[in-house]
C-alpha atoms as a PDB file:
ATOM      1  CA  MET A   1     113.446 -90.118  28.607  1.00  0.00           C
ATOM      2  CA  GLY A   2     112.276 -91.818  31.827  1.00  0.00           C
ATOM      3  CA  GLY A   3     108.972 -92.906  33.084  1.00  0.00           C
ATOM      4  CA  CYS A   4     107.293 -93.812  36.198  1.00  0.00           C
ATOM      5  CA  ASP A   5     108.018 -96.303  38.730  1.00  0.00           C
ATOM      6  CA  LYS A   6     105.741 -98.411  40.786  1.00  0.00           C
ATOM      7  CA  LYS A   7     104.978 -95.640  43.200  1.00  0.00           C
ATOM      8  CA  ILE A   8     103.866 -93.229  40.375  1.00  0.00           C
ATOM      9  CA  TYR A   9     107.124 -91.060  40.881  1.00  0.00           C
ATOM     10  CA  PRO A  10     108.521 -89.699  37.720  1.00  0.00           C
ATOM     11  CA  SER A  11     112.099 -91.033  36.915  1.00  0.00           C
ATOM     12  CA  LYS A  12     114.877 -89.512  34.813  1.00  0.00           C
ATOM     13  CA  GLN A  13     117.681 -91.081  32.953  1.00  0.00           C
ATOM     14  CA  GLY A  14     121.341 -90.067  34.015  1.00  0.00           C
ATOM     15  CA  VAL A  15     120.666 -89.879  37.791  1.00  0.00           C
ATOM     16  CA  LEU A  16     123.322 -92.132  39.214  1.00  0.00           C
ATOM     17  CA  THR A  17     121.950 -92.823  42.706  1.00  0.00           C
ATOM     18  CA  PRO A  18     120.170 -95.787  44.303  1.00  0.00           C
ATOM     19  CA  GLY A  19     116.697 -95.263  45.524  1.00  0.00           C
ATOM     20  CA  CYS A  20     114.475 -92.055  44.913  1.00  0.00           C
ATOM     21  CA  VAL A  21     116.116 -88.587  45.126  1.00  0.00           C
ATOM     22  CA  ARG A  22     114.545 -85.244  44.859  1.00  0.00           C
ATOM     23  CA  LEU A  23     115.780 -83.249  41.821  1.00  0.00           C
ATOM     24  CA  LEU A  24     116.139 -79.706  41.201  1.00  0.00           C
ATOM     25  CA  LEU A  25     114.683 -78.837  37.794  1.00  0.00           C
ATOM     26  CA  HIS A  26     114.020 -75.628  35.971  1.00  0.00           C
ATOM     27  CA  ARG A  27     110.889 -74.711  34.040  1.00  0.00           C
ATOM     28  CA  GLY A  28     110.953 -76.576  30.605  1.00  0.00           C
ATOM     29  CA  ALA A  29     113.130 -79.543  31.840  1.00  0.00           C
ATOM     30  CA  SER A  30     111.903 -83.055  31.086  1.00  0.00           C
ATOM     31  CA  CYS A  31     109.990 -84.475  34.293  1.00  0.00           C
ATOM     32  CA  PHE A  32     109.295 -80.884  35.387  1.00  0.00           C
ATOM     33  CA  GLN A  33     105.673 -80.717  36.918  1.00  0.00           C
ATOM     34  CA  GLY A  34     106.083 -78.068  39.477  1.00  0.00           C
ATOM     35  CA  HIS A  35     104.502 -74.485  39.822  1.00  0.00           C
ATOM     36  CA  GLY A  36     102.901 -72.664  37.185  1.00  0.00           C
ATOM     37  CA  ARG A  37     100.377 -75.263  35.981  1.00  0.00           C
ATOM     38  CA  ARG A  38      97.715 -72.698  35.247  1.00  0.00           C
ATOM     39  CA  ASN A  39      97.854 -70.902  31.879  1.00  0.00           C
ATOM     40  CA  SER A  40      97.790 -67.407  33.737  1.00  0.00           C
ATOM     41  CA  GLU A  41     101.176 -68.020  35.464  1.00  0.00           C
END
């Protein structure tokens, strides 16, 4: 699944790049913590 690194950034398996990168994820994807956190959205 993934987890968090030492800097508390979520990580995801299958990303084949060294270092940290910003991923474009859609709603419902694992590790997605973006917009719409409130129940009304």
